[in-house]
Amino acid sequence: MGKIKQFLSDVMSEMRKTSWPKSKELTKYTVVVVSTVIVMAIFFVLVDLGVSELFRWYIDL
């Protein structure tokens, strides 16, 4: 049990040393991540549709 308490104490000590982003920075980072995910999702949907159409065209030959 003592090791667990020491571990949690060490974790709390390290968390106090961490530099956390401010509210504006966090908002900017969130917008960047969400927009990147949306763009990548659209890209992969388009690529998937294109490859599917190529396979359908090839099979229909």
Protein backbone atom coordinates (compact mmCIF):
# COMPACT_ATOMS: atom_id res chain seq x y z
CA MET A 1 0.00 0.00 0.00
CA GLY A 2 2.93 2.31 0.71
CA LYS A 3 4.20 1.97 -2.87
CA ILE A 4 0.84 3.04 -4.26
CA LYS A 5 0.77 6.13 -2.02
CA GLN A 6 4.33 7.01 -3.06
CA PHE A 7 3.44 6.54 -6.73
CA LEU A 8 0.38 8.81 -6.45
CA SER A 9 2.44 11.37 -4.54
CA ASP A 10 5.05 11.33 -7.31
CA VAL A 11 2.34 11.69 -9.95
CA MET A 12 0.86 14.71 -8.17
CA SER A 13 4.33 16.24 -7.84
CA GLU A 14 4.98 15.87 -11.57
CA MET A 15 1.52 17.20 -12.47
CA ARG A 16 2.26 20.41 -10.55
CA LYS A 17 5.37 20.90 -12.71
CA THR A 18 3.38 20.55 -15.93
CA SER A 19 2.75 23.66 -18.00
CA TRP A 20 -0.94 23.59 -18.92
CA PRO A 21 -2.26 25.57 -21.92
CA LYS A 22 -4.33 28.68 -21.34
CA SER A 23 -7.99 28.78 -22.38
CA LYS A 24 -7.34 30.56 -25.70
CA GLU A 25 -4.53 28.16 -26.59
CA LEU A 26 -6.68 25.18 -25.73
CA THR A 27 -9.48 26.49 -27.95
CA LYS A 28 -7.07 27.00 -30.85
CA TYR A 29 -5.60 23.52 -30.42
CA THR A 30 -9.07 21.99 -30.28
CA VAL A 31 -10.16 23.77 -33.47
CA VAL A 32 -7.00 22.61 -35.26
CA VAL A 33 -7.48 19.00 -34.19
CA VAL A 34 -11.20 18.86 -35.03
CA SER A 35 -10.70 20.50 -38.44
CA THR A 36 -7.80 18.19 -39.25
CA VAL A 37 -9.92 15.14 -38.36
CA ILE A 38 -12.79 16.40 -40.53
CA VAL A 39 -10.51 17.10 -43.52
CA MET A 40 -8.82 13.71 -43.21
CA ALA A 41 -12.20 11.94 -42.90
CA ILE A 42 -13.46 13.64 -46.07
CA PHE A 43 -10.22 12.76 -47.86
CA PHE A 44 -10.45 9.09 -46.93
CA VAL A 45 -14.14 8.91 -47.87
CA LEU A 46 -13.33 10.33 -51.31
CA VAL A 47 -10.39 7.97 -51.78
CA ASP A 48 -12.53 5.02 -50.69
CA LEU A 49 -15.30 5.96 -53.11
CA GLY A 50 -12.77 6.37 -55.92
CA VAL A 51 -11.13 3.01 -55.30
CA SER A 52 -14.54 1.33 -55.00
CA GLU A 53 -15.62 2.79 -58.33
CA LEU A 54 -12.38 1.61 -59.96
CA PHE A 55 -12.95 -1.93 -58.69
CA ARG A 56 -16.58 -1.90 -59.85
CA TRP A 57 -15.49 -0.64 -63.28
CA TYR A 58 -12.76 -3.31 -63.48
CA ILE A 59 -15.14 -6.10 -62.44
CA ASP A 60 -17.75 -5.00 -65.00
CA LEU A 61 -15.26 -5.37 -67.86
